[in-house]
């Protein structure tokens, strides 16, 4: 795979972006993290990895083992199941949480339709966040429940 991972931003810079205008909350945060206590937001930001996907590149492939979940910061992607289109992913959306938080396998394919920049959390990061930022993980699980509904 041709994913590009970056560790150039500091935790503080990532925290600022989690609260930036790229998000979707009423006050500008990514909805899933809107209103988190500052200590939890700092833990979430410190554990994030920046990822970029080129147009046409998969973020997830149905059936593959999933090791990371993503919050899209910019760009868009198409979601499909069994080759059938299901919808679009846009900035602020959570992708890949089903595999990381529940099944281990990707339940849908998500392919970038434009260049995508996202923040990624690997399973090990989510396990650590369960200890350091439990409300953040609870919200990620709520996003998972929303996708299952």
N, C-alpha and C. Protein backbone atom coordinates (compact mmCIF):
# COMPACT_ATOMS: atom_id res chain seq x y z
N UNK A 1 0.83 -1.18 0.00
CA UNK A 1 0.00 0.00 0.00
C UNK A 1 0.87 1.24 0.00
N UNK A 2 0.33 2.29 -0.53
CA UNK A 2 1.08 3.54 -0.67
C UNK A 2 0.62 4.61 0.30
N UNK A 3 0.25 4.24 1.49
CA UNK A 3 -0.15 5.25 2.47
C UNK A 3 1.07 6.06 2.86
N UNK A 4 0.86 7.32 3.11
CA UNK A 4 1.93 8.18 3.59
C UNK A 4 1.62 8.52 5.04
N UNK A 5 2.53 8.17 5.94
CA UNK A 5 2.36 8.47 7.35
C UNK A 5 3.31 9.60 7.72
N UNK A 6 2.84 10.53 8.51
CA UNK A 6 3.65 11.67 8.93
C UNK A 6 3.65 11.75 10.44
N UNK A 7 4.78 12.04 11.01
CA UNK A 7 4.89 12.32 12.44
C UNK A 7 5.44 13.72 12.64
N UNK A 8 5.20 14.61 11.69
CA UNK A 8 5.79 15.94 11.74
C UNK A 8 5.09 16.87 12.69
N UNK A 9 3.79 16.76 12.85
CA UNK A 9 3.06 17.66 13.73
C UNK A 9 3.25 17.22 15.17
N UNK A 10 3.32 18.19 16.06
CA UNK A 10 3.40 17.89 17.47
C UNK A 10 2.01 17.57 17.99
N UNK A 11 1.95 16.99 19.18
CA UNK A 11 0.65 16.72 19.79
C UNK A 11 -0.18 17.98 19.93
N UNK A 12 0.47 19.11 20.27
CA UNK A 12 -0.25 20.38 20.39
C UNK A 12 -0.82 20.85 19.06
N UNK A 13 -0.06 20.65 17.98
CA UNK A 13 -0.56 21.03 16.66
C UNK A 13 -1.74 20.15 16.27
N UNK A 14 -1.64 18.85 16.55
CA UNK A 14 -2.76 17.95 16.24
C UNK A 14 -3.98 18.32 17.08
N UNK A 15 -3.76 18.68 18.36
CA UNK A 15 -4.88 19.08 19.21
C UNK A 15 -5.55 20.32 18.64
N UNK A 16 -4.74 21.26 18.18
CA UNK A 16 -5.31 22.47 17.59
C UNK A 16 -6.15 22.12 16.37
N UNK A 17 -5.69 21.16 15.56
CA UNK A 17 -6.46 20.77 14.38
C UNK A 17 -7.71 20.01 14.78
N UNK A 18 -7.68 19.25 15.86
CA UNK A 18 -8.89 18.57 16.32
C UNK A 18 -9.95 19.60 16.70
N UNK A 19 -9.53 20.80 17.06
CA UNK A 19 -10.45 21.88 17.41
C UNK A 19 -10.62 22.87 16.28
N UNK A 20 -10.04 22.60 15.11
CA UNK A 20 -10.00 23.59 14.04
C UNK A 20 -11.29 23.64 13.23
N UNK A 21 -11.32 24.56 12.29
CA UNK A 21 -12.48 24.73 11.42
C UNK A 21 -12.68 23.55 10.49
N UNK A 22 -11.72 22.65 10.39
CA UNK A 22 -11.90 21.48 9.53
C UNK A 22 -12.91 20.51 10.12
N UNK A 23 -13.16 20.63 11.42
CA UNK A 23 -14.10 19.73 12.07
C UNK A 23 -15.54 20.08 11.73
N UNK A 24 -16.46 19.43 12.40
CA UNK A 24 -17.86 19.61 12.06
C UNK A 24 -18.72 20.05 13.23
N UNK A 25 -18.14 20.22 14.41
CA UNK A 25 -18.93 20.60 15.58
C UNK A 25 -19.32 22.07 15.55
N UNK A 26 -20.30 22.42 16.39
CA UNK A 26 -20.78 23.79 16.44
C UNK A 26 -19.67 24.77 16.76
N UNK A 27 -18.71 24.35 17.58
CA UNK A 27 -17.60 25.24 17.91
C UNK A 27 -16.36 24.91 17.11
N UNK A 28 -16.47 24.07 16.07
CA UNK A 28 -15.37 23.81 15.17
C UNK A 28 -14.63 22.52 15.40
N UNK A 29 -14.90 21.78 16.49
CA UNK A 29 -14.18 20.54 16.74
C UNK A 29 -14.70 19.43 15.83
N UNK A 30 -13.91 18.36 15.68
CA UNK A 30 -14.44 17.16 15.07
C UNK A 30 -15.57 16.69 15.98
N UNK A 31 -16.70 16.37 15.42
CA UNK A 31 -17.89 16.06 16.21
C UNK A 31 -17.60 15.01 17.28
N UNK A 32 -16.89 13.98 16.91
CA UNK A 32 -16.66 12.89 17.86
C UNK A 32 -15.90 13.37 19.10
N UNK A 33 -15.11 14.42 18.97
CA UNK A 33 -14.32 14.91 20.10
C UNK A 33 -14.81 16.26 20.64
N UNK A 34 -15.94 16.75 20.15
CA UNK A 34 -16.46 18.05 20.58
C UNK A 34 -16.68 18.07 22.09
N UNK A 35 -16.12 19.08 22.75
CA UNK A 35 -16.33 19.27 24.17
C UNK A 35 -15.59 18.32 25.08
N UNK A 36 -14.63 17.55 24.55
CA UNK A 36 -13.84 16.67 25.42
C UNK A 36 -13.06 17.49 26.43
N UNK A 37 -12.86 16.96 27.62
CA UNK A 37 -11.98 17.65 28.56
C UNK A 37 -10.58 17.82 27.94
N UNK A 38 -9.93 18.91 28.27
CA UNK A 38 -8.64 19.24 27.66
C UNK A 38 -7.61 18.12 27.84
N UNK A 39 -7.60 17.49 29.00
CA UNK A 39 -6.62 16.42 29.25
C UNK A 39 -6.85 15.24 28.30
N UNK A 40 -8.12 14.92 28.02
CA UNK A 40 -8.42 13.82 27.09
C UNK A 40 -8.09 14.22 25.66
N UNK A 41 -8.42 15.46 25.29
CA UNK A 41 -8.10 15.92 23.95
C UNK A 41 -6.60 15.86 23.71
N UNK A 42 -5.82 16.24 24.71
CA UNK A 42 -4.37 16.19 24.58
C UNK A 42 -3.89 14.75 24.39
N UNK A 43 -4.47 13.80 25.10
CA UNK A 43 -4.09 12.39 24.95
C UNK A 43 -4.45 11.87 23.56
N UNK A 44 -5.64 12.26 23.07
CA UNK A 44 -6.08 11.85 21.73
C UNK A 44 -5.13 12.41 20.68
N UNK A 45 -4.80 13.69 20.80
CA UNK A 45 -3.92 14.34 19.82
C UNK A 45 -2.52 13.74 19.85
N UNK A 46 -2.00 13.47 21.03
CA UNK A 46 -0.64 12.93 21.14
C UNK A 46 -0.52 11.55 20.52
N UNK A 47 -1.60 10.79 20.50
CA UNK A 47 -1.54 9.43 19.97
C UNK A 47 -1.88 9.35 18.48
N UNK A 48 -2.29 10.46 17.88
CA UNK A 48 -2.69 10.46 16.46
C UNK A 48 -1.47 10.44 15.54
N UNK A 49 -1.66 9.81 14.40
CA UNK A 49 -0.67 9.81 13.32
C UNK A 49 -1.33 10.40 12.10
N UNK A 50 -0.64 11.32 11.42
CA UNK A 50 -1.18 11.91 10.20
C UNK A 50 -0.98 10.94 9.04
N UNK A 51 -2.02 10.80 8.21
CA UNK A 51 -2.00 9.88 7.08
C UNK A 51 -2.55 10.60 5.85
N UNK A 52 -1.95 10.32 4.68
CA UNK A 52 -2.46 10.86 3.43
C UNK A 52 -2.71 9.72 2.46
N UNK A 53 -3.80 9.83 1.71
CA UNK A 53 -4.17 8.86 0.70
C UNK A 53 -4.35 9.59 -0.62
N UNK A 54 -3.78 9.05 -1.69
CA UNK A 54 -3.95 9.63 -3.02
C UNK A 54 -5.32 9.26 -3.57
N UNK A 55 -5.81 10.05 -4.52
CA UNK A 55 -7.06 9.72 -5.20
C UNK A 55 -6.96 8.30 -5.75
N UNK A 56 -7.99 7.49 -5.51
CA UNK A 56 -8.02 6.11 -5.98
C UNK A 56 -7.41 5.11 -5.02
N UNK A 57 -6.79 5.57 -3.97
CA UNK A 57 -6.15 4.69 -2.99
C UNK A 57 -7.15 4.27 -1.91
N UNK A 58 -7.15 3.00 -1.53
CA UNK A 58 -8.08 2.57 -0.48
C UNK A 58 -7.63 3.00 0.91
N UNK A 59 -8.59 3.50 1.69
CA UNK A 59 -8.36 3.71 3.11
C UNK A 59 -8.57 2.39 3.83
N UNK A 60 -9.60 1.65 3.41
CA UNK A 60 -9.89 0.30 3.92
C UNK A 60 -10.33 -0.58 2.77
N UNK A 61 -10.09 -1.88 2.92
CA UNK A 61 -10.54 -2.85 1.93
C UNK A 61 -11.37 -3.91 2.64
N UNK A 62 -12.60 -4.08 2.20
CA UNK A 62 -13.52 -5.03 2.79
C UNK A 62 -12.86 -6.40 2.96
N UNK A 63 -12.98 -6.96 4.17
CA UNK A 63 -12.44 -8.28 4.47
C UNK A 63 -11.03 -8.28 5.02
N UNK A 64 -10.27 -7.22 4.80
CA UNK A 64 -8.91 -7.15 5.34
C UNK A 64 -8.95 -6.97 6.85
N UNK A 65 -7.86 -7.37 7.51
CA UNK A 65 -7.72 -7.05 8.93
C UNK A 65 -7.51 -5.56 9.06
N UNK A 66 -8.15 -4.96 10.04
CA UNK A 66 -8.03 -3.52 10.25
C UNK A 66 -7.22 -3.20 11.48
N UNK A 67 -6.19 -2.39 11.30
CA UNK A 67 -5.30 -2.06 12.41
C UNK A 67 -5.38 -0.60 12.81
N UNK A 68 -6.13 0.22 12.07
CA UNK A 68 -6.23 1.65 12.39
C UNK A 68 -7.62 2.16 12.05
N UNK A 69 -8.04 3.19 12.78
CA UNK A 69 -9.24 3.93 12.44
C UNK A 69 -8.80 5.35 12.10
N UNK A 70 -9.65 6.05 11.34
CA UNK A 70 -9.28 7.37 10.83
C UNK A 70 -10.40 8.37 11.07
N UNK A 71 -10.00 9.63 11.26
CA UNK A 71 -10.93 10.75 11.15
C UNK A 71 -10.44 11.57 9.96
N UNK A 72 -11.31 11.71 8.98
CA UNK A 72 -10.96 12.43 7.75
C UNK A 72 -10.87 13.91 8.07
N UNK A 73 -9.75 14.52 7.71
CA UNK A 73 -9.57 15.97 7.88
C UNK A 73 -9.91 16.73 6.62
N UNK A 74 -9.52 16.17 5.48
CA UNK A 74 -9.83 16.82 4.20
C UNK A 74 -9.94 15.76 3.13
N UNK A 75 -10.71 16.08 2.09
CA UNK A 75 -10.91 15.16 0.98
C UNK A 75 -12.19 14.37 1.14
N UNK A 76 -12.39 13.43 0.21
CA UNK A 76 -13.59 12.60 0.24
C UNK A 76 -13.26 11.20 -0.24
N UNK A 77 -14.12 10.26 0.09
CA UNK A 77 -13.92 8.87 -0.28
C UNK A 77 -15.26 8.19 -0.48
N UNK A 78 -15.29 7.19 -1.34
CA UNK A 78 -16.49 6.41 -1.60
C UNK A 78 -16.48 5.15 -0.75
N UNK A 79 -17.63 4.82 -0.19
CA UNK A 79 -17.80 3.63 0.64
C UNK A 79 -18.60 2.61 -0.17
N UNK A 80 -18.12 1.36 -0.18
CA UNK A 80 -18.85 0.30 -0.88
C UNK A 80 -18.82 -0.99 -0.06
N UNK A 81 -19.81 -1.82 -0.29
CA UNK A 81 -19.93 -3.12 0.36
C UNK A 81 -20.25 -4.13 -0.72
N UNK A 82 -19.41 -5.12 -0.88
CA UNK A 82 -19.62 -6.11 -1.94
C UNK A 82 -19.63 -5.49 -3.32
N UNK A 83 -18.89 -4.40 -3.47
CA UNK A 83 -18.82 -3.72 -4.76
C UNK A 83 -19.96 -2.75 -5.02
N UNK A 84 -20.95 -2.71 -4.14
CA UNK A 84 -22.10 -1.81 -4.30
C UNK A 84 -21.86 -0.52 -3.52
N UNK A 85 -22.07 0.64 -4.16
CA UNK A 85 -21.87 1.92 -3.46
C UNK A 85 -22.82 2.08 -2.28
N UNK A 86 -22.27 2.57 -1.16
CA UNK A 86 -23.08 2.83 0.04
C UNK A 86 -23.17 4.31 0.37
N UNK A 87 -22.14 5.08 0.01
CA UNK A 87 -22.15 6.48 0.36
C UNK A 87 -20.79 7.10 0.22
N UNK A 88 -20.65 8.29 0.80
CA UNK A 88 -19.42 9.06 0.74
C UNK A 88 -18.92 9.37 2.15
N UNK A 89 -17.63 9.52 2.25
CA UNK A 89 -16.98 9.95 3.48
C UNK A 89 -16.49 11.37 3.24
N UNK A 90 -16.67 12.24 4.23
CA UNK A 90 -16.29 13.65 4.12
C UNK A 90 -15.51 14.06 5.38
N UNK A 91 -14.93 15.26 5.37
CA UNK A 91 -14.21 15.72 6.56
C UNK A 91 -15.06 15.62 7.82
N UNK A 92 -14.43 15.12 8.88
CA UNK A 92 -15.10 14.92 10.15
C UNK A 92 -15.62 13.52 10.37
N UNK A 93 -15.70 12.72 9.30
CA UNK A 93 -16.22 11.36 9.41
C UNK A 93 -15.17 10.40 9.98
N UNK A 94 -15.65 9.41 10.75
CA UNK A 94 -14.81 8.36 11.30
C UNK A 94 -14.89 7.16 10.37
N UNK A 95 -13.73 6.57 10.05
CA UNK A 95 -13.65 5.43 9.13
C UNK A 95 -12.79 4.35 9.78
N UNK A 96 -13.21 3.09 9.66
CA UNK A 96 -12.39 1.97 10.10
C UNK A 96 -12.56 1.59 11.55
N UNK A 97 -13.50 2.22 12.24
CA UNK A 97 -13.66 1.93 13.66
C UNK A 97 -14.25 0.56 13.93
N UNK A 98 -15.02 0.00 13.01
CA UNK A 98 -15.61 -1.32 13.23
C UNK A 98 -14.51 -2.36 13.43
N UNK A 99 -13.52 -2.37 12.55
CA UNK A 99 -12.44 -3.36 12.65
C UNK A 99 -11.60 -3.15 13.90
N UNK A 100 -11.35 -1.91 14.26
CA UNK A 100 -10.48 -1.63 15.41
C UNK A 100 -11.21 -1.87 16.73
N UNK A 101 -12.47 -1.51 16.81
CA UNK A 101 -13.19 -1.59 18.08
C UNK A 101 -14.03 -2.85 18.25
N UNK A 102 -14.26 -3.60 17.16
CA UNK A 102 -15.18 -4.74 17.27
C UNK A 102 -14.67 -6.00 16.57
N UNK A 103 -14.78 -6.05 15.26
CA UNK A 103 -14.63 -7.31 14.55
C UNK A 103 -13.21 -7.69 14.14
N UNK A 104 -12.33 -6.71 14.00
CA UNK A 104 -10.98 -7.01 13.52
C UNK A 104 -10.87 -6.99 12.01
N UNK A 105 -11.97 -7.21 11.32
CA UNK A 105 -11.99 -7.21 9.85
C UNK A 105 -12.71 -5.97 9.33
N UNK A 106 -12.27 -5.50 8.18
CA UNK A 106 -12.92 -4.36 7.53
C UNK A 106 -14.27 -4.81 6.99
N UNK A 107 -15.31 -4.07 7.31
CA UNK A 107 -16.66 -4.45 6.89
C UNK A 107 -17.09 -3.77 5.60
N UNK A 108 -16.29 -2.83 5.11
CA UNK A 108 -16.59 -2.13 3.85
C UNK A 108 -15.27 -1.65 3.26
N UNK A 109 -15.33 -1.33 1.98
CA UNK A 109 -14.19 -0.70 1.31
C UNK A 109 -14.42 0.79 1.25
N UNK A 110 -13.37 1.54 1.50
CA UNK A 110 -13.42 3.01 1.43
C UNK A 110 -12.26 3.43 0.55
N UNK A 111 -12.56 4.09 -0.57
CA UNK A 111 -11.54 4.48 -1.55
C UNK A 111 -11.59 5.99 -1.75
N UNK A 112 -10.43 6.63 -1.66
CA UNK A 112 -10.35 8.08 -1.82
C UNK A 112 -10.82 8.50 -3.21
N UNK A 113 -11.74 9.45 -3.28
CA UNK A 113 -12.20 10.01 -4.56
C UNK A 113 -11.49 11.33 -4.85
N UNK A 114 -10.82 11.87 -3.84
CA UNK A 114 -9.94 13.02 -3.96
C UNK A 114 -8.77 12.72 -3.02
N UNK A 115 -7.69 13.47 -3.06
CA UNK A 115 -6.66 13.27 -2.04
C UNK A 115 -7.27 13.44 -0.65
N UNK A 116 -6.93 12.54 0.26
CA UNK A 116 -7.48 12.54 1.62
C UNK A 116 -6.35 12.71 2.62
N UNK A 117 -6.58 13.61 3.57
CA UNK A 117 -5.70 13.72 4.73
C UNK A 117 -6.52 13.33 5.94
N UNK A 118 -5.96 12.47 6.79
CA UNK A 118 -6.70 11.98 7.95
C UNK A 118 -5.77 11.86 9.14
N UNK A 119 -6.38 11.77 10.32
CA UNK A 119 -5.66 11.41 11.52
C UNK A 119 -5.98 9.95 11.80
N UNK A 120 -4.95 9.18 12.13
CA UNK A 120 -5.11 7.74 12.36
C UNK A 120 -4.78 7.38 13.80
N UNK A 121 -5.51 6.41 14.31
CA UNK A 121 -5.20 5.81 15.61
C UNK A 121 -5.14 4.31 15.40
N UNK A 122 -4.01 3.72 15.75
CA UNK A 122 -3.83 2.28 15.63
C UNK A 122 -4.43 1.61 16.86
N UNK A 123 -4.65 0.28 16.77
CA UNK A 123 -5.27 -0.44 17.89
C UNK A 123 -4.54 -0.17 19.20
N UNK A 124 -3.23 -0.20 19.17
CA UNK A 124 -2.46 0.03 20.40
C UNK A 124 -2.76 1.42 20.98
N UNK A 125 -2.97 2.40 20.09
CA UNK A 125 -3.31 3.76 20.54
C UNK A 125 -4.68 3.78 21.21
N UNK A 126 -5.64 3.08 20.61
CA UNK A 126 -7.00 3.04 21.16
C UNK A 126 -6.98 2.33 22.52
N UNK A 127 -6.21 1.24 22.64
CA UNK A 127 -6.11 0.54 23.93
C UNK A 127 -5.56 1.48 25.00
N UNK A 128 -4.55 2.29 24.64
CA UNK A 128 -3.98 3.25 25.60
C UNK A 128 -5.00 4.33 25.92
N UNK A 129 -5.75 4.78 24.92
CA UNK A 129 -6.77 5.81 25.15
C UNK A 129 -7.88 5.32 26.06
N UNK A 130 -8.14 4.02 26.08
CA UNK A 130 -9.14 3.49 27.01
C UNK A 130 -8.76 3.82 28.45
N UNK A 131 -7.46 3.91 28.71
CA UNK A 131 -6.96 4.24 30.04
C UNK A 131 -6.85 5.75 30.25
N UNK A 132 -6.34 6.47 29.23
CA UNK A 132 -6.02 7.89 29.40
C UNK A 132 -7.13 8.84 28.94
N UNK A 133 -8.02 8.37 28.09
CA UNK A 133 -9.09 9.22 27.55
C UNK A 133 -10.36 8.38 27.34
N UNK A 134 -10.92 7.86 28.43
CA UNK A 134 -12.07 6.94 28.29
C UNK A 134 -13.28 7.56 27.61
N UNK A 135 -13.51 8.85 27.80
CA UNK A 135 -14.66 9.49 27.15
C UNK A 135 -14.46 9.53 25.64
N UNK A 136 -13.25 9.76 25.19
CA UNK A 136 -12.95 9.77 23.74
C UNK A 136 -13.25 8.40 23.14
N UNK A 137 -12.85 7.33 23.81
CA UNK A 137 -13.10 5.98 23.31
C UNK A 137 -14.59 5.67 23.35
N UNK A 138 -15.27 6.14 24.38
CA UNK A 138 -16.72 5.94 24.44
C UNK A 138 -17.39 6.57 23.22
N UNK A 139 -16.92 7.74 22.82
CA UNK A 139 -17.48 8.42 21.66
C UNK A 139 -17.15 7.69 20.36
N UNK A 140 -15.95 7.13 20.27
CA UNK A 140 -15.62 6.33 19.09
C UNK A 140 -16.52 5.10 19.02
N UNK A 141 -16.80 4.49 20.16
CA UNK A 141 -17.71 3.34 20.19
C UNK A 141 -19.13 3.77 19.79
N UNK A 142 -19.52 4.97 20.15
CA UNK A 142 -20.84 5.48 19.74
C UNK A 142 -20.88 5.65 18.23
N UNK A 143 -19.77 6.09 17.62
CA UNK A 143 -19.71 6.19 16.15
C UNK A 143 -19.85 4.80 15.54
N UNK A 144 -19.23 3.82 16.16
CA UNK A 144 -19.36 2.42 15.71
C UNK A 144 -20.82 1.99 15.77
N UNK A 145 -21.49 2.27 16.87
CA UNK A 145 -22.91 1.91 17.00
C UNK A 145 -23.74 2.59 15.93
N UNK A 146 -23.39 3.83 15.58
CA UNK A 146 -24.11 4.55 14.53
C UNK A 146 -23.94 3.89 13.17
N UNK A 147 -22.77 3.33 12.90
CA UNK A 147 -22.56 2.64 11.61
C UNK A 147 -23.27 1.30 11.56
N UNK A 148 -23.45 0.70 12.70
CA UNK A 148 -24.14 -0.61 12.75
C UNK A 148 -25.64 -0.46 12.60
N UNK A 149 -26.18 0.71 12.94
CA UNK A 149 -27.63 0.93 12.95
C UNK A 149 -28.18 1.00 11.52
